């Protein structure tokens, strides 16, 4: 699977923009039958990481998620 298709990079986004981008990306990946998504949020102040966790916690499409410290990102396993 092409890694670039399951990843979304939130760098430079504001909170509301990031929320919408994450939700849209999850739905796109579910429709393409992907089993995972990667959300790259970086380290920074931690705001984008917290937003990512909140969106993933509330998503009906996410089975579980966990940090990927090597890429400053979060991986979410999707359910169908």
PDB file of N, CA and C in Angstrom:
ATOM      1  N   UNK A   1       0.847  -1.173   0.000  1.00  0.00           N
ATOM      2  CA  UNK A   1       0.000   0.000   0.000  1.00  0.00           C
ATOM      3  C   UNK A   1       0.894   1.239   0.000  1.00  0.00           C
ATOM      4  N   UNK A   2       0.523   2.224  -0.759  1.00  0.00           N
ATOM      5  CA  UNK A   2       1.264   3.473  -0.845  1.00  0.00           C
ATOM      6  C   UNK A   2       1.055   4.266   0.443  1.00  0.00           C
ATOM      7  N   UNK A   3       2.131   4.435   1.201  1.00  0.00           N
ATOM      8  CA  UNK A   3       2.068   5.122   2.496  1.00  0.00           C
ATOM      9  C   UNK A   3       1.479   6.522   2.379  1.00  0.00           C
ATOM     10  N   UNK A   4       1.753   7.207   1.285  1.00  0.00           N
ATOM     11  CA  UNK A   4       1.260   8.579   1.131  1.00  0.00           C
ATOM     12  C   UNK A   4      -0.258   8.644   1.056  1.00  0.00           C
ATOM     13  N   UNK A   5      -0.893   7.552   0.695  1.00  0.00           N
ATOM     14  CA  UNK A   5      -2.350   7.556   0.580  1.00  0.00           C
ATOM     15  C   UNK A   5      -3.043   7.346   1.913  1.00  0.00           C
ATOM     16  N   UNK A   6      -2.351   6.779   2.887  1.00  0.00           N
ATOM     17  CA  UNK A   6      -2.997   6.585   4.187  1.00  0.00           C
ATOM     18  C   UNK A   6      -2.626   7.692   5.165  1.00  0.00           C
ATOM     19  N   UNK A   7      -1.731   8.599   4.779  1.00  0.00           N
ATOM     20  CA  UNK A   7      -1.247   9.646   5.678  1.00  0.00           C
ATOM     21  C   UNK A   7      -1.863  10.996   5.370  1.00  0.00           C
ATOM     22  N   UNK A   8      -2.029  11.770   6.427  1.00  0.00           N
ATOM     23  CA  UNK A   8      -2.428  13.164   6.300  1.00  0.00           C
ATOM     24  C   UNK A   8      -1.511  13.965   7.218  1.00  0.00           C
ATOM     25  N   UNK A   9      -1.060  15.098   6.747  1.00  0.00           N
ATOM     26  CA  UNK A   9      -0.133  15.945   7.504  1.00  0.00           C
ATOM     27  C   UNK A   9      -0.871  17.198   7.957  1.00  0.00           C
ATOM     28  N   UNK A  10      -0.923  17.408   9.261  1.00  0.00           N
ATOM     29  CA  UNK A  10      -1.670  18.523   9.824  1.00  0.00           C
ATOM     30  C   UNK A  10      -0.826  19.773  10.051  1.00  0.00           C
ATOM     31  N   UNK A  11       0.450  19.708   9.771  1.00  0.00           N
ATOM     32  CA  UNK A  11       1.326  20.857  10.014  1.00  0.00           C
ATOM     33  C   UNK A  11       0.752  22.114   9.362  1.00  0.00           C
ATOM     34  N   UNK A  12       0.706  23.181  10.131  1.00  0.00           N
ATOM     35  CA  UNK A  12       0.240  24.464   9.631  1.00  0.00           C
ATOM     36  C   UNK A  12      -1.264  24.661   9.692  1.00  0.00           C
ATOM     37  N   UNK A  13      -2.006  23.636  10.088  1.00  0.00           N
ATOM     38  CA  UNK A  13      -3.468  23.770  10.158  1.00  0.00           C
ATOM     39  C   UNK A  13      -3.894  24.349  11.489  1.00  0.00           C
ATOM     40  N   UNK A  14      -4.994  25.071  11.458  1.00  0.00           N
ATOM     41  CA  UNK A  14      -5.640  25.538  12.681  1.00  0.00           C
ATOM     42  C   UNK A  14      -6.561  24.425  13.173  1.00  0.00           C
ATOM     43  N   UNK A  15      -7.050  24.560  14.395  1.00  0.00           N
ATOM     44  CA  UNK A  15      -7.812  23.490  15.047  1.00  0.00           C
ATOM     45  C   UNK A  15      -8.996  23.010  14.212  1.00  0.00           C
ATOM     46  N   UNK A  16      -9.879  23.913  13.810  1.00  0.00           N
ATOM     47  CA  UNK A  16     -11.083  23.502  13.079  1.00  0.00           C
ATOM     48  C   UNK A  16     -10.730  22.882  11.741  1.00  0.00           C
ATOM     49  N   UNK A  17      -9.725  23.435  11.076  1.00  0.00           N
ATOM     50  CA  UNK A  17      -9.269  22.884   9.797  1.00  0.00           C
ATOM     51  C   UNK A  17      -8.739  21.465   9.986  1.00  0.00           C
ATOM     52  N   UNK A  18      -8.000  21.232  11.063  1.00  0.00           N
ATOM     53  CA  UNK A  18      -7.446  19.904  11.347  1.00  0.00           C
ATOM     54  C   UNK A  18      -8.564  18.901  11.638  1.00  0.00           C
ATOM     55  N   UNK A  19      -9.554  19.310  12.402  1.00  0.00           N
ATOM     56  CA  UNK A  19     -10.681  18.421  12.723  1.00  0.00           C
ATOM     57  C   UNK A  19     -11.380  17.970  11.442  1.00  0.00           C
ATOM     58  N   UNK A  20     -11.676  18.920  10.572  1.00  0.00           N
ATOM     59  CA  UNK A  20     -12.351  18.602   9.316  1.00  0.00           C
ATOM     60  C   UNK A  20     -11.475  17.722   8.421  1.00  0.00           C
ATOM     61  N   UNK A  21     -10.181  18.020   8.376  1.00  0.00           N
ATOM     62  CA  UNK A  21      -9.264  17.249   7.531  1.00  0.00           C
ATOM     63  C   UNK A  21      -9.154  15.806   8.013  1.00  0.00           C
ATOM     64  N   UNK A  22      -9.070  15.616   9.324  1.00  0.00           N
ATOM     65  CA  UNK A  22      -8.974  14.259   9.878  1.00  0.00           C
ATOM     66  C   UNK A  22     -10.237  13.470   9.565  1.00  0.00           C
ATOM     67  N   UNK A  23     -11.388  14.058   9.844  1.00  0.00           N
ATOM     68  CA  UNK A  23     -12.657  13.367   9.578  1.00  0.00           C
ATOM     69  C   UNK A  23     -12.814  13.025   8.104  1.00  0.00           C
ATOM     70  N   UNK A  24     -12.514  13.975   7.227  1.00  0.00           N
ATOM     71  CA  UNK A  24     -12.613  13.718   5.784  1.00  0.00           C
ATOM     72  C   UNK A  24     -11.668  12.603   5.354  1.00  0.00           C
ATOM     73  N   UNK A  25     -10.451  12.619   5.900  1.00  0.00           N
ATOM     74  CA  UNK A  25      -9.463  11.612   5.522  1.00  0.00           C
ATOM     75  C   UNK A  25      -9.873  10.218   5.997  1.00  0.00           C
ATOM     76  N   UNK A  26     -10.406  10.132   7.191  1.00  0.00           N
ATOM     77  CA  UNK A  26     -10.867   8.839   7.710  1.00  0.00           C
ATOM     78  C   UNK A  26     -11.952   8.270   6.805  1.00  0.00           C
ATOM     79  N   UNK A  27     -12.922   9.082   6.455  1.00  0.00           N
ATOM     80  CA  UNK A  27     -14.014   8.615   5.599  1.00  0.00           C
ATOM     81  C   UNK A  27     -13.486   8.179   4.238  1.00  0.00           C
ATOM     82  N   UNK A  28     -12.564   8.958   3.675  1.00  0.00           N
ATOM     83  CA  UNK A  28     -11.966   8.597   2.387  1.00  0.00           C
ATOM     84  C   UNK A  28     -11.273   7.234   2.480  1.00  0.00           C
ATOM     85  N   UNK A  29     -10.506   7.021   3.548  1.00  0.00           N
ATOM     86  CA  UNK A  29      -9.775   5.762   3.705  1.00  0.00           C
ATOM     87  C   UNK A  29     -10.716   4.585   3.947  1.00  0.00           C
ATOM     88  N   UNK A  30     -11.776   4.796   4.703  1.00  0.00           N
ATOM     89  CA  UNK A  30     -12.771   3.743   4.913  1.00  0.00           C
ATOM     90  C   UNK A  30     -13.408   3.369   3.577  1.00  0.00           C
ATOM     91  N   UNK A  31     -13.753   4.370   2.777  1.00  0.00           N
ATOM     92  CA  UNK A  31     -14.375   4.108   1.473  1.00  0.00           C
ATOM     93  C   UNK A  31     -13.440   3.371   0.524  1.00  0.00           C
ATOM     94  N   UNK A  32     -12.128   3.529   0.730  1.00  0.00           N
ATOM     95  CA  UNK A  32     -11.140   2.823  -0.091  1.00  0.00           C
ATOM     96  C   UNK A  32     -10.725   1.488   0.534  1.00  0.00           C
ATOM     97  N   UNK A  33     -11.384   1.101   1.622  1.00  0.00           N
ATOM     98  CA  UNK A  33     -11.133  -0.158   2.336  1.00  0.00           C
ATOM     99  C   UNK A  33      -9.726  -0.249   2.919  1.00  0.00           C
ATOM    100  N   UNK A  34      -9.158   0.882   3.320  1.00  0.00           N
ATOM    101  CA  UNK A  34      -7.865   0.862   3.998  1.00  0.00           C
ATOM    102  C   UNK A  34      -8.073   0.417   5.443  1.00  0.00           C
ATOM    103  N   UNK A  35      -7.090  -0.234   5.993  1.00  0.00           N
ATOM    104  CA  UNK A  35      -7.204  -0.716   7.365  1.00  0.00           C
ATOM    105  C   UNK A  35      -6.620   0.265   8.386  1.00  0.00           C
ATOM    106  N   UNK A  36      -5.818   1.218   7.911  1.00  0.00           N
ATOM    107  CA  UNK A  36      -5.182   2.174   8.814  1.00  0.00           C
ATOM    108  C   UNK A  36      -5.114   3.555   8.185  1.00  0.00           C
ATOM    109  N   UNK A  37      -4.973   4.544   9.070  1.00  0.00           N
ATOM    110  CA  UNK A  37      -4.610   5.896   8.649  1.00  0.00           C
ATOM    111  C   UNK A  37      -3.490   6.376   9.562  1.00  0.00           C
ATOM    112  N   UNK A  38      -2.648   7.234   9.016  1.00  0.00           N
ATOM    113  CA  UNK A  38      -1.598   7.883   9.818  1.00  0.00           C
ATOM    114  C   UNK A  38      -1.877   9.380   9.804  1.00  0.00           C
ATOM    115  N   UNK A  39      -1.912   9.965  10.984  1.00  0.00           N
ATOM    116  CA  UNK A  39      -2.109  11.405  11.101  1.00  0.00           C
ATOM    117  C   UNK A  39      -0.825  11.996  11.655  1.00  0.00           C
ATOM    118  N   UNK A  40      -0.154  12.786  10.833  1.00  0.00           N
ATOM    119  CA  UNK A  40       1.112  13.409  11.216  1.00  0.00           C
ATOM    120  C   UNK A  40       0.784  14.755  11.851  1.00  0.00           C
ATOM    121  N   UNK A  41       1.098  14.890  13.140  1.00  0.00           N
ATOM    122  CA  UNK A  41       0.772  16.117  13.865  1.00  0.00           C
ATOM    123  C   UNK A  41       2.000  16.821  14.403  1.00  0.00           C
ATOM    124  N   UNK A  42       3.136  16.157  14.419  1.00  0.00           N
ATOM    125  CA  UNK A  42       4.360  16.754  14.938  1.00  0.00           C
ATOM    126  C   UNK A  42       4.362  16.834  16.448  1.00  0.00           C
ATOM    127  N   UNK A  43       5.421  17.420  16.978  1.00  0.00           N
ATOM    128  CA  UNK A  43       5.543  17.581  18.431  1.00  0.00           C
ATOM    129  C   UNK A  43       4.979  18.928  18.845  1.00  0.00           C
ATOM    130  N   UNK A  44       5.645  20.000  18.494  1.00  0.00           N
ATOM    131  CA  UNK A  44       5.174  21.367  18.766  1.00  0.00           C
ATOM    132  C   UNK A  44       4.620  21.543  20.159  1.00  0.00           C
ATOM    133  N   UNK A  45       3.495  22.228  20.241  1.00  0.00           N
ATOM    134  CA  UNK A  45       2.860  22.503  21.533  1.00  0.00           C
ATOM    135  C   UNK A  45       1.951  21.366  21.976  1.00  0.00           C
ATOM    136  N   UNK A  46       1.685  20.425  21.095  1.00  0.00           N
ATOM    137  CA  UNK A  46       0.831  19.292  21.427  1.00  0.00           C
ATOM    138  C   UNK A  46      -0.636  19.512  21.091  1.00  0.00           C
ATOM    139  N   UNK A  47      -0.976  20.693  20.588  1.00  0.00           N
ATOM    140  CA  UNK A  47      -2.378  20.992  20.281  1.00  0.00           C
ATOM    141  C   UNK A  47      -2.915  20.068  19.197  1.00  0.00           C
ATOM    142  N   UNK A  48      -2.174  19.906  18.114  1.00  0.00           N
ATOM    143  CA  UNK A  48      -2.654  19.053  17.023  1.00  0.00           C
ATOM    144  C   UNK A  48      -2.723  17.586  17.446  1.00  0.00           C
ATOM    145  N   UNK A  49      -1.835  17.166  18.316  1.00  0.00           N
ATOM    146  CA  UNK A  49      -1.888  15.786  18.824  1.00  0.00           C
ATOM    147  C   UNK A  49      -3.154  15.584  19.656  1.00  0.00           C
ATOM    148  N   UNK A  50      -3.474  16.547  20.525  1.00  0.00           N
ATOM    149  CA  UNK A  50      -4.687  16.441  21.346  1.00  0.00           C
ATOM    150  C   UNK A  50      -5.941  16.445  20.473  1.00  0.00           C
ATOM    151  N   UNK A  51      -5.952  17.306  19.467  1.00  0.00           N
ATOM    152  CA  UNK A  51      -7.094  17.343  18.550  1.00  0.00           C
ATOM    153  C   UNK A  51      -7.235  15.997  17.845  1.00  0.00           C
ATOM    154  N   UNK A  52      -6.117  15.459  17.380  1.00  0.00           N
ATOM    155  CA  UNK A  52      -6.131  14.158  16.710  1.00  0.00           C
ATOM    156  C   UNK A  52      -6.737  13.096  17.611  1.00  0.00           C
ATOM    157  N   UNK A  53      -6.299  13.038  18.853  1.00  0.00           N
ATOM    158  CA  UNK A  53      -6.811  12.037  19.800  1.00  0.00           C
ATOM    159  C   UNK A  53      -8.306  12.224  20.057  1.00  0.00           C
ATOM    160  N   UNK A  54      -8.749  13.468  20.175  1.00  0.00           N
ATOM    161  CA  UNK A  54     -10.172  13.730  20.402  1.00  0.00           C
ATOM    162  C   UNK A  54     -11.020  13.265  19.215  1.00  0.00           C
ATOM    163  N   UNK A  55     -10.568  13.571  18.013  1.00  0.00           N
ATOM    164  CA  UNK A  55     -11.309  13.163  16.813  1.00  0.00           C
ATOM    165  C   UNK A  55     -11.338  11.648  16.708  1.00  0.00           C
ATOM    166  N   UNK A  56     -10.210  10.996  16.925  1.00  0.00           N
ATOM    167  CA  UNK A  56     -10.154   9.539  16.818  1.00  0.00           C
ATOM    168  C   UNK A  56     -11.007   8.871  17.891  1.00  0.00           C
ATOM    169  N   UNK A  57     -11.014   9.428  19.098  1.00  0.00           N
ATOM    170  CA  UNK A  57     -11.843   8.880  20.173  1.00  0.00           C
ATOM    171  C   UNK A  57     -13.327   8.939  19.843  1.00  0.00           C
ATOM    172  N   UNK A  58     -13.742   9.959  19.126  1.00  0.00           N
ATOM    173  CA  UNK A  58     -15.168  10.143  18.858  1.00  0.00           C
ATOM    174  C   UNK A  58     -15.608   9.539  17.519  1.00  0.00           C
ATOM    175  N   UNK A  59     -14.669   9.024  16.734  1.00  0.00           N
ATOM    176  CA  UNK A  59     -15.008   8.493  15.407  1.00  0.00           C
ATOM    177  C   UNK A  59     -15.607   7.094  15.495  1.00  0.00           C
ATOM    178  N   UNK A  60     -16.681   6.904  14.749  1.00  0.00           N
ATOM    179  CA  UNK A  60     -17.308   5.579  14.659  1.00  0.00           C
ATOM    180  C   UNK A  60     -16.502   4.629  13.783  1.00  0.00           C
ATOM    181  N   UNK A  61     -15.528   5.146  13.051  1.00  0.00           N
ATOM    182  CA  UNK A  61     -14.752   4.345  12.105  1.00  0.00           C
ATOM    183  C   UNK A  61     -13.423   3.854  12.660  1.00  0.00           C
ATOM    184  N   UNK A  62     -13.072   4.296  13.862  1.00  0.00           N
ATOM    185  CA  UNK A  62     -11.762   3.959  14.426  1.00  0.00           C
ATOM    186  C   UNK A  62     -11.908   2.884  15.487  1.00  0.00           C
ATOM    187  N   UNK A  63     -11.155   1.805  15.298  1.00  0.00           N
ATOM    188  CA  UNK A  63     -11.151   0.700  16.253  1.00  0.00           C
ATOM    189  C   UNK A  63     -10.235   1.019  17.430  1.00  0.00           C
ATOM    190  N   UNK A  64      -9.002   1.431  17.124  1.00  0.00           N
ATOM    191  CA  UNK A  64      -8.042   1.825  18.158  1.00  0.00           C
ATOM    192  C   UNK A  64      -6.986   2.695  17.493  1.00  0.00           C
ATOM    193  N   UNK A  65      -6.222   3.391  18.328  1.00  0.00           N
ATOM    194  CA  UNK A  65      -5.139   4.208  17.800  1.00  0.00           C
ATOM    195  C   UNK A  65      -3.983   4.222  18.780  1.00  0.00           C
ATOM    196  N   UNK A  66      -2.807   4.533  18.252  1.00  0.00           N
ATOM    197  CA  UNK A  66      -1.600   4.509  19.065  1.00  0.00           C
ATOM    198  C   UNK A  66      -0.556   5.440  18.448  1.00  0.00           C
ATOM    199  N   UNK A  67       0.362   5.917  19.275  1.00  0.00           N
ATOM    200  CA  UNK A  67       1.380   6.851  18.768  1.00  0.00           C
ATOM    201  C   UNK A  67       2.450   6.138  17.946  1.00  0.00           C
ATOM    202  N   UNK A  68       2.967   6.854  16.980  1.00  0.00           N
ATOM    203  CA  UNK A  68       4.137   6.423  16.213  1.00  0.00           C
ATOM    204  C   UNK A  68       5.194   7.502  16.446  1.00  0.00           C
ATOM    205  N   UNK A  69       6.017   7.282  17.447  1.00  0.00           N
ATOM    206  CA  UNK A  69       6.979   8.297  17.877  1.00  0.00           C
ATOM    207  C   UNK A  69       8.037   8.594  16.819  1.00  0.00           C
ATOM    208  N   UNK A  70       8.325   7.641  15.948  1.00  0.00           N
ATOM    209  CA  UNK A  70       9.337   7.849  14.913  1.00  0.00           C
ATOM    210  C   UNK A  70       8.938   8.931  13.924  1.00  0.00           C
ATOM    211  N   UNK A  71       7.647   9.114  13.716  1.00  0.00           N
ATOM    212  CA  UNK A  71       7.171  10.064  12.713  1.00  0.00           C
ATOM    213  C   UNK A  71       6.337  11.190  13.323  1.00  0.00           C
ATOM    214  N   UNK A  72       6.343  11.329  14.639  1.00  0.00           N
ATOM    215  CA  UNK A  72       5.522  12.353  15.311  1.00  0.00           C
ATOM    216  C   UNK A  72       4.084  12.289  14.810  1.00  0.00           C
ATOM    217  N   UNK A  73       3.556  11.083  14.846  1.00  0.00           N
ATOM    218  CA  UNK A  73       2.218  10.864  14.290  1.00  0.00           C
ATOM    219  C   UNK A  73       1.431   9.883  15.146  1.00  0.00           C
ATOM    220  N   UNK A  74       0.183   9.707  14.770  1.00  0.00           N
ATOM    221  CA  UNK A  74      -0.691   8.739  15.405  1.00  0.00           C
ATOM    222  C   UNK A  74      -1.244   7.824  14.315  1.00  0.00           C
ATOM    223  N   UNK A  75      -1.233   6.530  14.585  1.00  0.00           N
ATOM    224  CA  UNK A  75      -1.786   5.524  13.676  1.00  0.00           C
ATOM    225  C   UNK A  75      -3.148   5.103  14.214  1.00  0.00           C
ATOM    226  N   UNK A  76      -4.130   5.054  13.335  1.00  0.00           N
ATOM    227  CA  UNK A  76      -5.465   4.598  13.725  1.00  0.00           C
ATOM    228  C   UNK A  76      -5.828   3.373  12.902  1.00  0.00           C
ATOM    229  N   UNK A  77      -6.255   2.324  13.588  1.00  0.00           N
ATOM    230  CA  UNK A  77      -6.773   1.129  12.924  1.00  0.00           C
ATOM    231  C   UNK A  77      -8.255   1.342  12.700  1.00  0.00           C
ATOM    232  N   UNK A  78      -8.687   1.157  11.469  1.00  0.00           N
ATOM    233  CA  UNK A  78     -10.070   1.409  11.108  1.00  0.00           C
ATOM    234  C   UNK A  78     -10.921   0.144  11.217  1.00  0.00           C
ATOM    235  N   UNK A  79     -12.191   0.334  11.482  1.00  0.00           N
ATOM    236  CA  UNK A  79     -13.117  -0.798  11.503  1.00  0.00           C
ATOM    237  C   UNK A  79     -14.135  -0.619  10.393  1.00  0.00           C
ATOM    238  N   UNK A  80     -14.742  -1.712  10.018  1.00  0.00           N
ATOM    239  CA  UNK A  80     -15.686  -1.690   8.888  1.00  0.00           C
ATOM    240  C   UNK A  80     -17.067  -2.067   9.324  1.00  0.00           C
TER     241      UNK A  80
END
